[in-house]
C-alpha atoms as a PDB file:
ATOM      1  CA  UNK A   1      -0.375   0.347  -0.150  1.00  0.00           C
ATOM      2  CA  UNK A   2       1.013   3.704  -0.658  1.00  0.00           C
ATOM      3  CA  UNK A   3      -0.087   6.242   1.848  1.00  0.00           C
ATOM      4  CA  UNK A   4       0.298  10.254   1.427  1.00  0.00           C
ATOM      5  CA  UNK A   5      -1.492  13.125   1.759  1.00  0.00           C
ATOM      6  CA  UNK A   6      -3.949  15.280  -0.716  1.00  0.00           C
ATOM      7  CA  UNK A   7      -3.692  18.769  -0.747  1.00  0.00           C
ATOM      8  CA  UNK A   8      -6.935  19.252   1.884  1.00  0.00           C
ATOM      9  CA  UNK A   9      -5.257  17.493   4.406  1.00  0.00           C
ATOM     10  CA  UNK A  10      -7.131  13.957   3.515  1.00  0.00           C
ATOM     11  CA  UNK A  11      -4.699  10.727   4.407  1.00  0.00           C
ATOM     12  CA  UNK A  12      -4.735   8.469   1.535  1.00  0.00           C
ATOM     13  CA  UNK A  13      -3.788   5.032   0.604  1.00  0.00           C
ATOM     14  CA  UNK A  14      -3.905   2.928  -2.065  1.00  0.00           C
ATOM     15  CA  UNK A  15      -2.563  -0.377  -3.696  1.00  0.00           C
ATOM     16  CA  UNK A  16       1.008  -0.171  -5.511  1.00  0.00           C
ATOM     17  CA  UNK A  17      -0.325  -1.297  -8.722  1.00  0.00           C
ATOM     18  CA  UNK A  18      -1.516   2.683  -8.714  1.00  0.00           C
ATOM     19  CA  UNK A  19       1.695   4.325  -8.345  1.00  0.00           C
ATOM     20  CA  UNK A  20       2.180   7.175 -10.805  1.00  0.00           C
ATOM     21  CA  UNK A  21      -1.801   7.152 -11.956  1.00  0.00           C
ATOM     22  CA  UNK A  22      -4.323   9.713 -11.573  1.00  0.00           C
ATOM     23  CA  UNK A  23      -6.915   8.900  -8.859  1.00  0.00           C
ATOM     24  CA  UNK A  24      -9.399  11.129  -7.229  1.00  0.00           C
ATOM     25  CA  UNK A  25      -9.550  12.004  -3.350  1.00  0.00           C
ATOM     26  CA  UNK A  26     -12.894  10.995  -2.186  1.00  0.00           C
ATOM     27  CA  UNK A  27     -13.185  14.451   0.469  1.00  0.00           C
ATOM     28  CA  UNK A  28     -12.455  17.310  -1.861  1.00  0.00           C
ATOM     29  CA  UNK A  29     -12.813  15.264  -5.383  1.00  0.00           C
ATOM     30  CA  UNK A  30      -9.563  16.527  -6.189  1.00  0.00           C
ATOM     31  CA  UNK A  31      -7.770  14.577  -9.065  1.00  0.00           C
ATOM     32  CA  UNK A  32      -3.923  13.830  -7.759  1.00  0.00           C
ATOM     33  CA  UNK A  33      -1.535  11.919  -9.394  1.00  0.00           C
ATOM     34  CA  UNK A  34      -0.317   8.804  -6.768  1.00  0.00           C
ATOM     35  CA  UNK A  35       3.035   9.027  -5.610  1.00  0.00           C
ATOM     36  CA  UNK A  36       5.485   5.750  -5.940  1.00  0.00           C
ATOM     37  CA  UNK A  37       6.773   4.952  -2.324  1.00  0.00           C
ATOM     38  CA  UNK A  38       6.034   2.563   0.260  1.00  0.00           C
ATOM     39  CA  UNK A  39       3.790   2.318   3.395  1.00  0.00           C
ATOM     40  CA  UNK A  40       4.855   4.071   6.355  1.00  0.00           C
ATOM     41  CA  UNK A  41       5.229   1.627   9.239  1.00  0.00           C
ATOM     42  CA  UNK A  42       4.904   4.183  12.214  1.00  0.00           C
ATOM     43  CA  UNK A  43       8.044   2.575  13.634  1.00  0.00           C
ATOM     44  CA  UNK A  44      10.845   4.007  11.626  1.00  0.00           C
ATOM     45  CA  UNK A  45      10.787   8.137  10.539  1.00  0.00           C
ATOM     46  CA  UNK A  46      12.839   6.555   7.291  1.00  0.00           C
ATOM     47  CA  UNK A  47       9.966   4.677   6.254  1.00  0.00           C
ATOM     48  CA  UNK A  48       7.435   7.788   5.908  1.00  0.00           C
ATOM     49  CA  UNK A  49       6.927   8.887   2.409  1.00  0.00           C
ATOM     50  CA  UNK A  50       9.243  11.712   1.014  1.00  0.00           C
ATOM     51  CA  UNK A  51       8.545  15.179   0.579  1.00  0.00           C
ATOM     52  CA  UNK A  52       8.833  13.789  -3.191  1.00  0.00           C
ATOM     53  CA  UNK A  53       6.193  10.862  -2.681  1.00  0.00           C
ATOM     54  CA  UNK A  54       3.721  13.056  -1.331  1.00  0.00           C
ATOM     55  CA  UNK A  55       2.474  15.383  -4.231  1.00  0.00           C
ATOM     56  CA  UNK A  56      -0.792  17.401  -3.164  1.00  0.00           C
ATOM     57  CA  UNK A  57      -2.327  17.974  -6.624  1.00  0.00           C
ATOM     58  CA  UNK A  58      -3.180  21.549  -7.566  1.00  0.00           C
ATOM     59  CA  UNK A  59      -6.452  22.281  -6.038  1.00  0.00           C
ATOM     60  CA  UNK A  60      -9.573  22.100  -8.324  1.00  0.00           C
ATOM     61  CA  UNK A  61     -10.997  24.751  -9.902  1.00  0.00           C
ATOM     62  CA  UNK A  62     -14.022  26.094  -7.895  1.00  0.00           C
ATOM     63  CA  UNK A  63     -17.308  26.438  -9.664  1.00  0.00           C
ATOM     64  CA  UNK A  64     -20.551  27.656  -9.322  1.00  0.00           C
ATOM     65  CA  UNK A  65     -24.286  28.098 -11.079  1.00  0.00           C
ATOM     66  CA  UNK A  66     -25.011  31.486 -12.483  1.00  0.00           C
ATOM     67  CA  UNK A  67     -28.465  32.843 -10.856  1.00  0.00           C
ATOM     68  CA  UNK A  68     -29.374  34.001 -14.262  1.00  0.00           C
ATOM     69  CA  UNK A  69     -28.982  31.214 -16.609  1.00  0.00           C
ATOM     70  CA  UNK A  70     -27.925  28.509 -14.737  1.00  0.00           C
ATOM     71  CA  UNK A  71     -24.817  27.786 -16.571  1.00  0.00           C
ATOM     72  CA  UNK A  72     -21.734  26.252 -14.529  1.00  0.00           C
ATOM     73  CA  UNK A  73     -19.368  29.336 -13.774  1.00  0.00           C
ATOM     74  CA  UNK A  74     -16.014  29.951 -12.042  1.00  0.00           C
ATOM     75  CA  UNK A  75     -16.812  30.819  -8.529  1.00  0.00           C
ATOM     76  CA  UNK A  76     -14.843  34.144  -8.961  1.00  0.00           C
ATOM     77  CA  UNK A  77     -16.206  34.960 -11.696  1.00  0.00           C
ATOM     78  CA  UNK A  78     -17.526  38.778 -12.242  1.00  0.00           C
ATOM     79  CA  UNK A  79     -19.680  38.225 -15.166  1.00  0.00           C
ATOM     80  CA  UNK A  80     -21.324  35.454 -16.243  1.00  0.00           C
ATOM     81  CA  UNK A  81     -19.724  34.082 -19.767  1.00  0.00           C
ATOM     82  CA  UNK A  82     -22.625  32.665 -21.239  1.00  0.00           C
ATOM     83  CA  UNK A  83     -25.312  35.181 -20.354  1.00  0.00           C
ATOM     84  CA  UNK A  84     -23.266  38.422 -19.507  1.00  0.00           C
ATOM     85  CA  UNK A  85     -25.535  38.906 -16.354  1.00  0.00           C
ATOM     86  CA  UNK A  86     -23.374  40.816 -13.667  1.00  0.00           C
ATOM     87  CA  UNK A  87     -22.533  39.282 -10.842  1.00  0.00           C
ATOM     88  CA  UNK A  88     -20.182  41.433  -8.491  1.00  0.00           C
ATOM     89  CA  UNK A  89     -22.008  44.375  -6.436  1.00  0.00           C
ATOM     90  CA  UNK A  90     -18.964  46.628  -6.715  1.00  0.00           C
ATOM     91  CA  UNK A  91     -19.230  46.525 -10.763  1.00  0.00           C
ATOM     92  CA  UNK A  92     -22.983  46.949 -10.504  1.00  0.00           C
ATOM     93  CA  UNK A  93     -23.097  50.004  -8.870  1.00  0.00           C
ATOM     94  CA  UNK A  94     -19.933  51.500 -10.637  1.00  0.00           C
ATOM     95  CA  UNK A  95     -21.916  50.898 -14.040  1.00  0.00           C
ATOM     96  CA  UNK A  96     -24.893  52.614 -12.687  1.00  0.00           C
ATOM     97  CA  UNK A  97     -22.804  55.537 -10.974  1.00  0.00           C
ATOM     98  CA  UNK A  98     -21.151  56.492 -14.454  1.00  0.00           C
ATOM     99  CA  UNK A  99     -24.778  56.723 -15.948  1.00  0.00           C
ATOM    100  CA  UNK A 100     -25.011  53.297 -17.470  1.00  0.00           C
ATOM    101  CA  UNK A 101     -28.317  52.544 -15.711  1.00  0.00           C
ATOM    102  CA  UNK A 102     -29.864  48.920 -15.666  1.00  0.00           C
ATOM    103  CA  UNK A 103     -28.455  46.260 -18.148  1.00  0.00           C
ATOM    104  CA  UNK A 104     -30.010  46.411 -21.434  1.00  0.00           C
ATOM    105  CA  UNK A 105     -32.919  43.831 -21.786  1.00  0.00           C
ATOM    106  CA  UNK A 106     -32.503  40.808 -23.494  1.00  0.00           C
ATOM    107  CA  UNK A 107     -33.950  39.564 -26.910  1.00  0.00           C
ATOM    108  CA  UNK A 108     -36.144  36.526 -26.678  1.00  0.00           C
ATOM    109  CA  UNK A 109     -38.393  37.743 -24.169  1.00  0.00           C
ATOM    110  CA  UNK A 110     -36.075  37.976 -21.813  1.00  0.00           C
ATOM    111  CA  UNK A 111     -34.900  34.324 -21.585  1.00  0.00           C
ATOM    112  CA  UNK A 112     -31.100  33.875 -20.942  1.00  0.00           C
ATOM    113  CA  UNK A 113     -30.466  30.862 -23.366  1.00  0.00           C
ATOM    114  CA  UNK A 114     -28.826  29.973 -26.603  1.00  0.00           C
ATOM    115  CA  UNK A 115     -31.678  27.976 -27.943  1.00  0.00           C
ATOM    116  CA  UNK A 116     -34.633  29.866 -29.985  1.00  0.00           C
ATOM    117  CA  UNK A 117     -38.009  30.361 -29.156  1.00  0.00           C
ATOM    118  CA  UNK A 118     -40.304  27.978 -30.313  1.00  0.00           C
ATOM    119  CA  UNK A 119     -42.537  29.047 -33.290  1.00  0.00           C
ATOM    120  CA  UNK A 120     -45.624  30.868 -32.588  1.00  0.00           C
ATOM    121  CA  UNK A 121     -48.848  28.269 -32.897  1.00  0.00           C
ATOM    122  CA  UNK A 122     -51.022  31.028 -34.173  1.00  0.00           C
ATOM    123  CA  UNK A 123     -48.425  31.897 -36.778  1.00  0.00           C
ATOM    124  CA  UNK A 124     -48.436  28.643 -37.798  1.00  0.00           C
ATOM    125  CA  UNK A 125     -52.336  28.199 -37.835  1.00  0.00           C
ATOM    126  CA  UNK A 126     -52.752  31.809 -39.451  1.00  0.00           C
ATOM    127  CA  UNK A 127     -50.550  30.179 -42.624  1.00  0.00           C
ATOM    128  CA  UNK A 128     -52.938  27.050 -42.720  1.00  0.00           C
ATOM    129  CA  UNK A 129     -56.018  28.682 -42.334  1.00  0.00           C
ATOM    130  CA  UNK A 130     -54.915  31.375 -45.016  1.00  0.00           C
ATOM    131  CA  UNK A 131     -54.294  28.366 -47.270  1.00  0.00           C
ATOM    132  CA  UNK A 132     -57.556  26.726 -46.543  1.00  0.00           C
ATOM    133  CA  UNK A 133     -59.379  29.827 -47.256  1.00  0.00           C
ATOM    134  CA  UNK A 134     -59.028  28.842 -50.881  1.00  0.00           C
ATOM    135  CA  UNK A 135     -61.306  26.003 -50.384  1.00  0.00           C
ATOM    136  CA  UNK A 136     -63.750  27.550 -47.808  1.00  0.00           C
ATOM    137  CA  UNK A 137     -64.346  30.667 -50.092  1.00  0.00           C
ATOM    138  CA  UNK A 138     -62.373  32.767 -47.594  1.00  0.00           C
ATOM    139  CA  UNK A 139     -64.568  31.713 -44.250  1.00  0.00           C
ATOM    140  CA  UNK A 140     -61.486  30.481 -42.531  1.00  0.00           C
ATOM    141  CA  UNK A 141     -59.334  33.875 -43.916  1.00  0.00           C
ATOM    142  CA  UNK A 142     -61.362  35.704 -41.378  1.00  0.00           C
ATOM    143  CA  UNK A 143     -59.936  33.527 -38.279  1.00  0.00           C
ATOM    144  CA  UNK A 144     -56.560  33.470 -40.301  1.00  0.00           C
ATOM    145  CA  UNK A 145     -56.415  37.345 -39.783  1.00  0.00           C
ATOM    146  CA  UNK A 146     -57.250  37.544 -36.482  1.00  0.00           C
ATOM    147  CA  UNK A 147     -54.512  35.149 -35.610  1.00  0.00           C
ATOM    148  CA  UNK A 148     -51.825  36.384 -37.975  1.00  0.00           C
ATOM    149  CA  UNK A 149     -51.936  39.617 -36.177  1.00  0.00           C
ATOM    150  CA  UNK A 150     -52.031  37.986 -32.332  1.00  0.00           C
ATOM    151  CA  UNK A 151     -49.121  35.636 -33.934  1.00  0.00           C
ATOM    152  CA  UNK A 152     -47.276  39.150 -34.346  1.00  0.00           C
ATOM    153  CA  UNK A 153     -47.786  41.050 -31.701  1.00  0.00           C
ATOM    154  CA  UNK A 154     -46.616  37.986 -29.572  1.00  0.00           C
ATOM    155  CA  UNK A 155     -43.292  37.533 -31.728  1.00  0.00           C
ATOM    156  CA  UNK A 156     -42.706  41.353 -31.043  1.00  0.00           C
ATOM    157  CA  UNK A 157     -42.349  40.537 -27.430  1.00  0.00           C
ATOM    158  CA  UNK A 158     -40.125  38.298 -27.892  1.00  0.00           C
ATOM    159  CA  UNK A 159     -42.475  35.161 -26.518  1.00  0.00           C
ATOM    160  CA  UNK A 160     -42.195  32.777 -29.653  1.00  0.00           C
ATOM    161  CA  UNK A 161     -40.495  32.805 -33.196  1.00  0.00           C
ATOM    162  CA  UNK A 162     -42.403  32.610 -36.562  1.00  0.00           C
ATOM    163  CA  UNK A 163     -43.028  36.007 -38.084  1.00  0.00           C
ATOM    164  CA  UNK A 164     -42.378  34.984 -41.790  1.00  0.00           C
ATOM    165  CA  UNK A 165     -44.818  32.193 -41.174  1.00  0.00           C
ATOM    166  CA  UNK A 166     -47.133  34.903 -39.662  1.00  0.00           C
ATOM    167  CA  UNK A 167     -46.729  37.309 -42.406  1.00  0.00           C
ATOM    168  CA  UNK A 168     -47.248  34.633 -44.991  1.00  0.00           C
ATOM    169  CA  UNK A 169     -50.591  33.881 -43.053  1.00  0.00           C
ATOM    170  CA  UNK A 170     -51.990  37.339 -42.558  1.00  0.00           C
ATOM    171  CA  UNK A 171     -51.098  37.981 -46.953  1.00  0.00           C
ATOM    172  CA  UNK A 172     -52.738  35.097 -47.871  1.00  0.00           C
ATOM    173  CA  UNK A 173     -55.566  35.324 -45.636  1.00  0.00           C
ATOM    174  CA  UNK A 174     -56.079  38.982 -47.081  1.00  0.00           C
ATOM    175  CA  UNK A 175     -56.000  38.073 -50.493  1.00  0.00           C
ATOM    176  CA  UNK A 176     -58.492  35.268 -49.775  1.00  0.00           C
ATOM    177  CA  UNK A 177     -60.911  37.803 -47.974  1.00  0.00           C
ATOM    178  CA  UNK A 178     -60.188  40.251 -51.087  1.00  0.00           C
ATOM    179  CA  UNK A 179     -60.747  37.913 -53.880  1.00  0.00           C
ATOM    180  CA  UNK A 180     -63.929  36.082 -52.715  1.00  0.00           C
ATOM    181  CA  UNK A 181     -65.129  39.438 -51.150  1.00  0.00           C
ATOM    182  CA  UNK A 182     -64.662  40.908 -54.819  1.00  0.00           C
ATOM    183  CA  UNK A 183     -66.605  37.421 -56.165  1.00  0.00           C
ATOM    184  CA  UNK A 184     -69.208  37.270 -54.085  1.00  0.00           C
ATOM    185  CA  UNK A 185     -69.927  41.094 -54.373  1.00  0.00           C
ATOM    186  CA  UNK A 186     -69.703  40.978 -58.395  1.00  0.00           C
ATOM    187  CA  UNK A 187     -71.879  37.534 -57.918  1.00  0.00           C
ATOM    188  CA  UNK A 188     -74.870  39.868 -56.037  1.00  0.00           C
ATOM    189  CA  UNK A 189     -74.370  43.012 -57.889  1.00  0.00           C
ATOM    190  CA  UNK A 190     -73.499  41.635 -60.880  1.00  0.00           C
END
């Protein structure tokens, strides 16, 4: 058995065949290189591992979770590298003192994520109803216009994506309404 100390002070014992390999301290989770050497007997001071044999590893990098985005960052971080949230109170007060005020609102409706917003269901429905207006003599196009405008509002607020779909649904719905309104008017008055 090889006995040695971790940098945290934990006394570790491992089999001799592990000498020179990497291991993990059960107390502090630090990755250690296991020294080569003999087990101290406790009776002879020369049996104790030498300073070369006791190799404390570098302490593990301490991390924490960003309160804004939930990503793992360094414990000493003053600003999150993922979402840009300022975590140091002195930086926040300096920012306000120099007239920067509050941080700029985030895109995607305040979501702090690199994932895109979900596509608006109203935008999809507007597009489908605009297309189906051709087969329903424009009756579904009325609902398509309403849903298209609601979808664009939702998209402007950053709650969803799909502005191209919402716009296409609006255009198709308005075209179908105009086409069948003119056709109906021509049939009645013509």
